[in-house]
N, C-alpha and C. Protein backbone atom coordinates (compact mmCIF):
# COMPACT_ATOMS: atom_id res chain seq x y z
N MET A 1 25.77 14.93 54.73
CA MET A 1 25.80 15.13 53.30
C MET A 1 24.74 14.21 52.68
N GLU A 2 23.99 14.76 51.79
CA GLU A 2 22.90 14.01 51.17
C GLU A 2 23.36 13.41 49.85
N ALA A 3 23.05 12.16 49.64
CA ALA A 3 23.43 11.50 48.38
C ALA A 3 22.39 11.85 47.32
N THR A 4 22.90 12.15 46.15
CA THR A 4 21.99 12.43 45.04
C THR A 4 21.98 11.24 44.11
N GLN A 5 20.83 10.99 43.57
CA GLN A 5 20.71 9.87 42.64
C GLN A 5 20.48 10.44 41.25
N THR A 6 21.30 10.02 40.33
CA THR A 6 21.14 10.46 38.96
C THR A 6 20.74 9.26 38.12
N THR A 7 19.95 9.55 37.13
CA THR A 7 19.59 8.47 36.22
C THR A 7 20.77 8.24 35.30
N GLY A 8 21.36 7.08 35.40
CA GLY A 8 22.55 6.78 34.61
C GLY A 8 22.22 6.46 33.17
N PHE A 9 23.13 6.85 32.32
CA PHE A 9 23.00 6.52 30.91
C PHE A 9 23.42 5.08 30.73
N ARG A 10 22.52 4.29 30.21
CA ARG A 10 22.84 2.89 29.98
C ARG A 10 22.18 2.46 28.69
N MET A 11 23.00 2.10 27.74
CA MET A 11 22.49 1.51 26.51
C MET A 11 23.54 0.58 25.96
N GLY A 12 23.40 -0.67 26.25
CA GLY A 12 24.24 -1.69 25.68
C GLY A 12 23.59 -2.24 24.42
N ILE A 13 24.11 -3.34 23.95
CA ILE A 13 23.59 -3.94 22.72
C ILE A 13 22.15 -4.40 22.89
N ARG A 14 21.83 -4.93 24.07
CA ARG A 14 20.45 -5.38 24.32
C ARG A 14 19.49 -4.19 24.33
N GLU A 15 19.87 -3.11 25.00
CA GLU A 15 19.02 -1.94 25.05
C GLU A 15 18.87 -1.31 23.66
N TYR A 16 19.96 -1.37 22.87
CA TYR A 16 19.89 -0.85 21.50
C TYR A 16 18.82 -1.61 20.70
N PHE A 17 18.88 -2.94 20.73
CA PHE A 17 17.91 -3.73 19.98
C PHE A 17 16.50 -3.59 20.55
N ASP A 18 16.39 -3.49 21.87
CA ASP A 18 15.06 -3.25 22.46
C ASP A 18 14.48 -1.93 21.95
N THR A 19 15.30 -0.90 21.90
CA THR A 19 14.86 0.40 21.40
C THR A 19 14.49 0.31 19.92
N LEU A 20 15.32 -0.36 19.14
CA LEU A 20 15.06 -0.51 17.71
C LEU A 20 13.73 -1.21 17.47
N PHE A 21 13.50 -2.32 18.14
CA PHE A 21 12.26 -3.06 17.95
C PHE A 21 11.06 -2.27 18.47
N GLU A 22 11.26 -1.51 19.54
CA GLU A 22 10.17 -0.72 20.09
C GLU A 22 9.78 0.41 19.13
N VAL A 23 10.77 1.06 18.53
CA VAL A 23 10.47 2.14 17.58
C VAL A 23 9.73 1.59 16.38
N MET A 24 10.12 0.42 15.90
CA MET A 24 9.48 -0.14 14.71
C MET A 24 8.14 -0.81 15.03
N ARG A 25 8.03 -1.42 16.17
CA ARG A 25 6.82 -2.15 16.52
C ARG A 25 5.72 -1.21 17.04
N SER A 26 6.08 -0.30 17.90
CA SER A 26 5.10 0.60 18.51
C SER A 26 5.71 2.00 18.67
N PRO A 27 5.81 2.74 17.56
CA PRO A 27 6.43 4.07 17.66
C PRO A 27 5.68 5.01 18.59
N SER A 28 4.39 4.88 18.63
CA SER A 28 3.59 5.75 19.50
C SER A 28 3.99 5.57 20.96
N ALA A 29 4.06 4.32 21.41
CA ALA A 29 4.44 4.05 22.80
C ALA A 29 5.89 4.46 23.07
N HIS A 30 6.76 4.22 22.09
CA HIS A 30 8.17 4.59 22.29
C HIS A 30 8.32 6.10 22.46
N PHE A 31 7.68 6.87 21.58
CA PHE A 31 7.85 8.32 21.66
C PHE A 31 7.16 8.91 22.89
N GLU A 32 6.12 8.26 23.39
CA GLU A 32 5.53 8.72 24.65
C GLU A 32 6.51 8.52 25.80
N ARG A 33 7.22 7.38 25.80
CA ARG A 33 8.22 7.14 26.84
C ARG A 33 9.44 8.03 26.65
N ALA A 34 9.80 8.30 25.40
CA ALA A 34 10.97 9.14 25.13
C ALA A 34 10.72 10.61 25.46
N ALA A 35 9.48 10.99 25.64
CA ALA A 35 9.15 12.39 25.95
C ALA A 35 9.73 12.82 27.28
N VAL A 36 9.98 11.87 28.19
CA VAL A 36 10.49 12.23 29.51
C VAL A 36 12.02 12.25 29.56
N GLU A 37 12.68 11.87 28.48
CA GLU A 37 14.15 11.90 28.46
C GLU A 37 14.61 13.35 28.56
N THR A 38 15.51 13.59 29.50
CA THR A 38 15.97 14.96 29.73
C THR A 38 17.20 15.33 28.91
N ASP A 39 17.91 14.34 28.41
CA ASP A 39 19.07 14.65 27.58
C ASP A 39 19.02 13.79 26.32
N SER A 40 20.03 13.94 25.48
CA SER A 40 20.03 13.26 24.19
C SER A 40 21.07 12.15 24.10
N ARG A 41 21.64 11.73 25.21
CA ARG A 41 22.69 10.71 25.13
C ARG A 41 22.21 9.40 24.56
N ARG A 42 21.06 8.91 25.02
CA ARG A 42 20.53 7.64 24.50
C ARG A 42 20.22 7.76 23.01
N ALA A 43 19.59 8.84 22.63
CA ALA A 43 19.24 9.04 21.22
C ALA A 43 20.48 9.17 20.35
N ARG A 44 21.48 9.91 20.83
CA ARG A 44 22.73 10.03 20.06
C ARG A 44 23.43 8.70 19.92
N PHE A 45 23.48 7.91 21.00
CA PHE A 45 24.10 6.60 20.95
C PHE A 45 23.35 5.69 19.98
N PHE A 46 22.03 5.70 20.05
CA PHE A 46 21.21 4.89 19.15
C PHE A 46 21.48 5.29 17.70
N LEU A 47 21.51 6.59 17.42
CA LEU A 47 21.78 7.08 16.07
C LEU A 47 23.17 6.69 15.61
N MET A 48 24.16 6.82 16.48
CA MET A 48 25.54 6.51 16.11
C MET A 48 25.73 5.03 15.79
N VAL A 49 25.16 4.15 16.60
CA VAL A 49 25.28 2.71 16.33
C VAL A 49 24.60 2.36 15.02
N SER A 50 23.41 2.91 14.79
CA SER A 50 22.72 2.66 13.53
C SER A 50 23.50 3.21 12.35
N ALA A 51 24.08 4.40 12.51
CA ALA A 51 24.86 5.00 11.43
C ALA A 51 26.12 4.19 11.14
N LEU A 52 26.78 3.70 12.18
CA LEU A 52 27.97 2.86 11.96
C LEU A 52 27.61 1.57 11.23
N PHE A 53 26.50 0.96 11.62
CA PHE A 53 26.05 -0.25 10.94
C PHE A 53 25.73 0.05 9.47
N TYR A 54 24.97 1.10 9.24
CA TYR A 54 24.57 1.49 7.90
C TYR A 54 25.79 1.77 7.01
N CYS A 55 26.73 2.53 7.53
CA CYS A 55 27.91 2.89 6.74
C CYS A 55 28.83 1.69 6.51
N THR A 56 28.99 0.86 7.51
CA THR A 56 29.85 -0.31 7.36
C THR A 56 29.31 -1.26 6.31
N VAL A 57 28.04 -1.55 6.39
CA VAL A 57 27.44 -2.47 5.42
C VAL A 57 27.43 -1.85 4.03
N SER A 58 27.04 -0.59 3.92
CA SER A 58 27.01 0.07 2.62
C SER A 58 28.40 0.16 2.00
N MET A 59 29.37 0.52 2.82
CA MET A 59 30.73 0.67 2.32
C MET A 59 31.28 -0.68 1.87
N THR A 60 31.01 -1.73 2.61
CA THR A 60 31.52 -3.05 2.28
C THR A 60 30.92 -3.58 0.99
N TYR A 61 29.62 -3.41 0.83
CA TYR A 61 28.95 -4.00 -0.32
C TYR A 61 28.89 -3.12 -1.54
N PHE A 62 28.87 -1.81 -1.39
CA PHE A 62 28.60 -0.96 -2.53
C PHE A 62 29.71 0.01 -2.90
N TYR A 63 30.60 0.33 -2.01
CA TYR A 63 31.60 1.35 -2.31
C TYR A 63 33.02 0.81 -2.24
N GLU A 64 33.18 -0.47 -2.38
CA GLU A 64 34.49 -1.12 -2.48
C GLU A 64 35.44 -0.69 -1.38
N ASN A 65 34.95 -0.64 -0.16
CA ASN A 65 35.75 -0.34 1.02
C ASN A 65 36.45 1.01 0.96
N SER A 66 35.84 1.98 0.33
CA SER A 66 36.41 3.32 0.25
C SER A 66 36.24 4.03 1.59
N LEU A 67 37.34 4.29 2.26
CA LEU A 67 37.29 4.96 3.56
C LEU A 67 36.75 6.39 3.43
N ALA A 68 37.10 7.06 2.36
CA ALA A 68 36.61 8.42 2.15
C ALA A 68 35.09 8.42 1.99
N MET A 69 34.58 7.51 1.20
CA MET A 69 33.13 7.43 1.00
C MET A 69 32.43 7.02 2.30
N GLY A 70 33.02 6.10 3.04
CA GLY A 70 32.45 5.68 4.32
C GLY A 70 32.40 6.83 5.31
N SER A 71 33.44 7.66 5.33
CA SER A 71 33.46 8.82 6.23
C SER A 71 32.39 9.83 5.85
N ILE A 72 32.23 10.05 4.56
CA ILE A 72 31.20 10.98 4.09
C ILE A 72 29.81 10.45 4.45
N MET A 73 29.61 9.14 4.25
CA MET A 73 28.31 8.55 4.58
C MET A 73 28.04 8.61 6.08
N LEU A 74 29.05 8.40 6.90
CA LEU A 74 28.88 8.47 8.35
C LEU A 74 28.52 9.89 8.78
N ALA A 75 29.23 10.86 8.23
CA ALA A 75 28.92 12.25 8.55
C ALA A 75 27.49 12.59 8.11
N ASN A 76 27.11 12.13 6.93
CA ASN A 76 25.75 12.37 6.44
C ASN A 76 24.71 11.71 7.34
N ALA A 77 24.97 10.46 7.74
CA ALA A 77 24.02 9.72 8.56
C ALA A 77 23.84 10.34 9.94
N VAL A 78 24.86 10.97 10.46
CA VAL A 78 24.77 11.56 11.80
C VAL A 78 24.31 13.02 11.74
N LEU A 79 24.76 13.76 10.74
CA LEU A 79 24.46 15.19 10.69
C LEU A 79 23.10 15.52 10.08
N MET A 80 22.60 14.70 9.17
CA MET A 80 21.31 14.99 8.54
C MET A 80 20.15 14.98 9.54
N PRO A 81 20.08 14.01 10.47
CA PRO A 81 19.01 14.12 11.47
C PRO A 81 19.13 15.39 12.32
N ALA A 82 20.35 15.79 12.64
CA ALA A 82 20.54 17.03 13.41
C ALA A 82 20.12 18.25 12.60
N PHE A 83 20.42 18.24 11.31
CA PHE A 83 20.03 19.35 10.43
C PHE A 83 18.52 19.39 10.25
N GLY A 84 17.90 18.23 10.03
CA GLY A 84 16.44 18.18 9.92
C GLY A 84 15.77 18.64 11.21
N ALA A 85 16.33 18.22 12.35
CA ALA A 85 15.79 18.65 13.64
C ALA A 85 15.93 20.15 13.82
N MET A 86 17.04 20.71 13.34
CA MET A 86 17.25 22.15 13.45
C MET A 86 16.19 22.91 12.64
N ILE A 87 15.93 22.45 11.43
CA ILE A 87 14.92 23.11 10.60
C ILE A 87 13.54 23.00 11.25
N THR A 88 13.20 21.81 11.74
CA THR A 88 11.91 21.63 12.39
C THR A 88 11.81 22.48 13.65
N PHE A 89 12.90 22.57 14.40
CA PHE A 89 12.93 23.39 15.62
C PHE A 89 12.69 24.87 15.26
N ILE A 90 13.30 25.34 14.20
CA ILE A 90 13.10 26.72 13.76
C ILE A 90 11.65 26.94 13.33
N LEU A 91 11.11 25.98 12.58
CA LEU A 91 9.71 26.08 12.16
C LEU A 91 8.76 26.05 13.36
N LEU A 92 9.09 25.24 14.36
CA LEU A 92 8.28 25.21 15.58
C LEU A 92 8.28 26.57 16.26
N GLY A 93 9.45 27.17 16.33
CA GLY A 93 9.54 28.50 16.94
C GLY A 93 8.77 29.55 16.15
N MET A 94 8.81 29.43 14.84
CA MET A 94 8.08 30.38 13.99
C MET A 94 6.57 30.17 14.06
N SER A 95 6.16 28.97 14.43
CA SER A 95 4.72 28.68 14.47
C SER A 95 4.12 28.94 15.85
N GLY A 96 4.92 29.42 16.78
CA GLY A 96 4.41 29.72 18.10
C GLY A 96 4.55 28.57 19.08
N GLN A 97 5.23 27.51 18.69
CA GLN A 97 5.47 26.37 19.58
C GLN A 97 6.90 26.42 20.10
N GLY A 98 7.36 27.56 20.53
CA GLY A 98 8.73 27.75 20.97
C GLY A 98 9.09 27.05 22.26
N LYS A 99 8.13 26.43 22.93
CA LYS A 99 8.43 25.81 24.22
C LYS A 99 9.03 24.42 24.08
N VAL A 100 9.07 23.87 22.88
CA VAL A 100 9.66 22.54 22.67
C VAL A 100 11.17 22.71 22.53
N PRO A 101 11.97 22.10 23.41
CA PRO A 101 13.43 22.26 23.33
C PRO A 101 14.02 21.50 22.13
N TYR A 102 15.16 22.00 21.65
CA TYR A 102 15.81 21.37 20.51
C TYR A 102 16.17 19.92 20.81
N GLY A 103 16.60 19.62 22.02
CA GLY A 103 16.98 18.26 22.38
C GLY A 103 15.86 17.26 22.17
N LYS A 104 14.64 17.68 22.46
CA LYS A 104 13.48 16.79 22.26
C LYS A 104 13.25 16.55 20.77
N VAL A 105 13.35 17.60 19.97
CA VAL A 105 13.18 17.46 18.51
C VAL A 105 14.30 16.59 17.94
N PHE A 106 15.53 16.80 18.43
CA PHE A 106 16.65 15.97 17.96
C PHE A 106 16.43 14.51 18.32
N ASN A 107 15.96 14.23 19.53
CA ASN A 107 15.71 12.85 19.93
C ASN A 107 14.71 12.17 18.99
N ILE A 108 13.69 12.90 18.60
CA ILE A 108 12.69 12.35 17.67
C ILE A 108 13.35 11.98 16.35
N TYR A 109 14.14 12.89 15.81
CA TYR A 109 14.82 12.62 14.55
C TYR A 109 15.86 11.51 14.69
N ALA A 110 16.56 11.48 15.80
CA ALA A 110 17.59 10.46 15.99
C ALA A 110 16.98 9.06 16.07
N TYR A 111 15.91 8.91 16.83
CA TYR A 111 15.28 7.60 16.94
C TYR A 111 14.65 7.18 15.60
N ALA A 112 13.99 8.10 14.93
CA ALA A 112 13.36 7.77 13.65
C ALA A 112 14.42 7.41 12.60
N SER A 113 15.46 8.20 12.51
CA SER A 113 16.51 7.95 11.52
C SER A 113 17.29 6.69 11.83
N GLY A 114 17.61 6.49 13.11
CA GLY A 114 18.36 5.29 13.50
C GLY A 114 17.60 4.02 13.21
N ALA A 115 16.29 4.03 13.44
CA ALA A 115 15.49 2.84 13.18
C ALA A 115 15.41 2.53 11.69
N VAL A 116 15.35 3.57 10.88
CA VAL A 116 15.23 3.38 9.43
C VAL A 116 16.57 3.00 8.80
N MET A 117 17.66 3.50 9.33
CA MET A 117 18.98 3.23 8.77
C MET A 117 19.34 1.75 8.76
N VAL A 118 18.86 1.03 9.72
CA VAL A 118 19.20 -0.38 9.84
C VAL A 118 18.71 -1.17 8.62
N VAL A 119 17.67 -0.68 7.97
CA VAL A 119 17.10 -1.38 6.83
C VAL A 119 17.41 -0.68 5.51
N SER A 120 17.64 0.61 5.52
CA SER A 120 17.72 1.38 4.28
C SER A 120 18.99 1.15 3.47
N TRP A 121 19.94 0.39 3.95
CA TRP A 121 21.13 0.09 3.15
C TRP A 121 20.82 -0.93 2.04
N ILE A 122 19.72 -1.65 2.18
CA ILE A 122 19.35 -2.65 1.18
C ILE A 122 18.92 -1.93 -0.09
N PRO A 123 19.49 -2.32 -1.24
CA PRO A 123 19.16 -1.61 -2.50
C PRO A 123 17.66 -1.58 -2.75
N GLY A 124 17.16 -0.44 -3.10
CA GLY A 124 15.75 -0.27 -3.40
C GLY A 124 14.89 0.09 -2.20
N LEU A 125 15.38 -0.17 -1.00
CA LEU A 125 14.57 0.12 0.18
C LEU A 125 14.76 1.53 0.72
N ALA A 126 15.83 2.19 0.30
CA ALA A 126 16.08 3.54 0.81
C ALA A 126 14.93 4.48 0.43
N ILE A 127 14.45 4.37 -0.79
CA ILE A 127 13.37 5.25 -1.23
C ILE A 127 12.05 4.91 -0.54
N VAL A 128 11.88 3.66 -0.15
CA VAL A 128 10.68 3.24 0.56
C VAL A 128 10.75 3.66 2.02
N MET A 129 11.94 3.67 2.57
CA MET A 129 12.09 3.96 4.00
C MET A 129 12.00 5.44 4.33
N GLU A 130 12.20 6.33 3.37
CA GLU A 130 12.11 7.77 3.66
C GLU A 130 10.71 8.19 4.09
N PRO A 131 9.65 7.73 3.42
CA PRO A 131 8.32 8.06 3.94
C PRO A 131 8.06 7.45 5.32
N ILE A 132 8.65 6.29 5.59
CA ILE A 132 8.49 5.69 6.91
C ILE A 132 9.21 6.53 7.96
N ARG A 133 10.39 7.05 7.61
CA ARG A 133 11.11 7.95 8.52
C ARG A 133 10.27 9.21 8.80
N ALA A 134 9.67 9.76 7.74
CA ALA A 134 8.83 10.94 7.90
C ALA A 134 7.62 10.63 8.79
N LEU A 135 7.03 9.46 8.61
CA LEU A 135 5.91 9.05 9.45
C LEU A 135 6.34 8.91 10.91
N LEU A 136 7.52 8.31 11.13
CA LEU A 136 8.04 8.17 12.50
C LEU A 136 8.30 9.53 13.14
N VAL A 137 8.85 10.46 12.37
CA VAL A 137 9.08 11.80 12.89
C VAL A 137 7.75 12.46 13.24
N GLY A 138 6.77 12.31 12.37
CA GLY A 138 5.45 12.88 12.64
C GLY A 138 4.83 12.30 13.90
N ILE A 139 4.93 10.98 14.07
CA ILE A 139 4.41 10.34 15.29
C ILE A 139 5.16 10.87 16.50
N GLY A 140 6.48 11.02 16.36
CA GLY A 140 7.27 11.55 17.47
C GLY A 140 6.89 12.96 17.84
N LEU A 141 6.63 13.80 16.83
CA LEU A 141 6.22 15.17 17.12
C LEU A 141 4.88 15.21 17.85
N VAL A 142 3.98 14.31 17.47
CA VAL A 142 2.67 14.27 18.13
C VAL A 142 2.80 13.73 19.55
N LYS A 143 3.47 12.59 19.71
CA LYS A 143 3.50 11.91 21.01
C LYS A 143 4.53 12.48 21.97
N SER A 144 5.67 12.89 21.46
CA SER A 144 6.74 13.34 22.34
C SER A 144 6.73 14.85 22.56
N ALA A 145 6.41 15.59 21.51
CA ALA A 145 6.44 17.05 21.62
C ALA A 145 5.07 17.65 21.85
N GLY A 146 4.02 16.85 21.76
CA GLY A 146 2.68 17.35 22.04
C GLY A 146 2.11 18.27 20.99
N ILE A 147 2.46 18.04 19.75
CA ILE A 147 1.98 18.87 18.64
C ILE A 147 0.80 18.15 17.99
N GLY A 148 -0.14 18.89 17.45
CA GLY A 148 -1.29 18.30 16.77
C GLY A 148 -0.87 17.54 15.52
N LYS A 149 -1.71 16.62 15.10
CA LYS A 149 -1.39 15.76 13.95
C LYS A 149 -1.23 16.55 12.66
N LEU A 150 -2.12 17.48 12.40
CA LEU A 150 -2.04 18.28 11.19
C LEU A 150 -0.79 19.15 11.19
N LYS A 151 -0.51 19.77 12.32
CA LYS A 151 0.68 20.62 12.44
C LYS A 151 1.95 19.79 12.28
N ALA A 152 1.97 18.58 12.86
CA ALA A 152 3.13 17.71 12.73
C ALA A 152 3.33 17.31 11.27
N ALA A 153 2.26 16.97 10.57
CA ALA A 153 2.36 16.61 9.16
C ALA A 153 2.88 17.78 8.34
N LEU A 154 2.38 18.97 8.62
CA LEU A 154 2.86 20.15 7.90
C LEU A 154 4.33 20.43 8.20
N LEU A 155 4.72 20.27 9.46
CA LEU A 155 6.12 20.49 9.83
C LEU A 155 7.04 19.51 9.09
N VAL A 156 6.65 18.25 9.02
CA VAL A 156 7.46 17.25 8.33
C VAL A 156 7.56 17.58 6.85
N MET A 157 6.45 17.95 6.24
CA MET A 157 6.47 18.26 4.80
C MET A 157 7.29 19.52 4.50
N VAL A 158 7.10 20.56 5.30
CA VAL A 158 7.85 21.81 5.06
C VAL A 158 9.34 21.58 5.33
N THR A 159 9.68 20.80 6.33
CA THR A 159 11.09 20.48 6.59
C THR A 159 11.69 19.75 5.40
N ALA A 160 10.97 18.78 4.84
CA ALA A 160 11.47 18.04 3.68
C ALA A 160 11.67 18.97 2.48
N VAL A 161 10.71 19.86 2.24
CA VAL A 161 10.83 20.80 1.12
C VAL A 161 12.02 21.73 1.34
N LEU A 162 12.19 22.25 2.54
CA LEU A 162 13.31 23.15 2.82
C LEU A 162 14.65 22.43 2.69
N LEU A 163 14.73 21.17 3.11
CA LEU A 163 15.96 20.39 2.93
C LEU A 163 16.27 20.21 1.44
N LEU A 164 15.26 19.87 0.66
CA LEU A 164 15.47 19.72 -0.78
C LEU A 164 15.90 21.04 -1.41
N LEU A 165 15.24 22.13 -1.06
CA LEU A 165 15.62 23.43 -1.61
C LEU A 165 17.04 23.81 -1.22
N PHE A 166 17.42 23.53 0.02
CA PHE A 166 18.78 23.83 0.46
C PHE A 166 19.80 23.08 -0.38
N PHE A 167 19.60 21.78 -0.57
CA PHE A 167 20.59 21.01 -1.31
C PHE A 167 20.56 21.30 -2.81
N TRP A 168 19.39 21.59 -3.35
CA TRP A 168 19.34 22.00 -4.75
C TRP A 168 20.04 23.34 -4.95
N SER A 169 19.95 24.21 -3.96
CA SER A 169 20.63 25.50 -4.04
C SER A 169 22.13 25.36 -3.83
N ALA A 170 22.53 24.40 -3.01
CA ALA A 170 23.95 24.21 -2.72
C ALA A 170 24.67 23.41 -3.80
N ALA A 171 23.94 22.70 -4.65
CA ALA A 171 24.56 21.85 -5.67
C ALA A 171 25.45 22.65 -6.64
N PRO A 172 25.00 23.79 -7.17
CA PRO A 172 25.89 24.56 -8.06
C PRO A 172 27.17 25.03 -7.37
N LEU A 173 27.05 25.39 -6.10
CA LEU A 173 28.23 25.79 -5.34
C LEU A 173 29.21 24.63 -5.20
N ALA A 174 28.69 23.45 -4.92
CA ALA A 174 29.54 22.27 -4.79
C ALA A 174 30.25 21.97 -6.11
N LEU A 175 29.55 22.14 -7.22
CA LEU A 175 30.17 21.89 -8.52
C LEU A 175 31.28 22.91 -8.82
N GLU A 176 31.09 24.15 -8.38
CA GLU A 176 32.11 25.18 -8.57
C GLU A 176 33.33 24.94 -7.69
N LEU A 177 33.13 24.38 -6.50
CA LEU A 177 34.22 24.13 -5.58
C LEU A 177 34.97 22.83 -5.87
N LYS A 178 34.37 21.96 -6.66
CA LYS A 178 34.97 20.66 -6.94
C LYS A 178 36.39 20.75 -7.52
N PRO A 179 36.67 21.65 -8.47
CA PRO A 179 38.05 21.72 -9.00
C PRO A 179 39.10 22.10 -7.94
N LEU A 180 38.68 22.78 -6.89
CA LEU A 180 39.64 23.15 -5.86
C LEU A 180 40.17 21.96 -5.08
N PHE A 181 39.40 20.88 -5.04
CA PHE A 181 39.78 19.70 -4.26
C PHE A 181 40.38 18.60 -5.12
N GLN A 182 40.58 18.86 -6.40
CA GLN A 182 41.17 17.83 -7.27
C GLN A 182 42.63 18.08 -7.51
């Protein structure tokens, strides 16, 4: 019987901080190394730890320990990168770059969002960190997914516009549904 060797998933606190510093210090090198990741476990773990930190600090300082608000923020912090990755993945398929798997696009968004979340809870920095997140996603698309710089920039911009249009379109529906939950 032949023994098989699998690459084990390992990300402790040290690996988390190493990844965080690597994404912020040298995103190009990080996304080149992340291109060979075959699954999304490391990226999901990185995103989840960052989201928990972001929500815990935000909830403690700004939302008076509201568990409901913390849960909403956690869901938002984890689901928005997945939603953005889904839109970018669809746009990639529509642009003829259908060979890039969704897991790779999700990893790019997870690492970029997780790195930015650690700082964006500070008042006033959230609006500054969004362009940095977009830049990190663009670098990830170029280095990890092998897309050209112009195409990556267009994908990031169109994804942002589509996300804004989606939420602006959903806002009236949310206002109409609000009385049902009161």
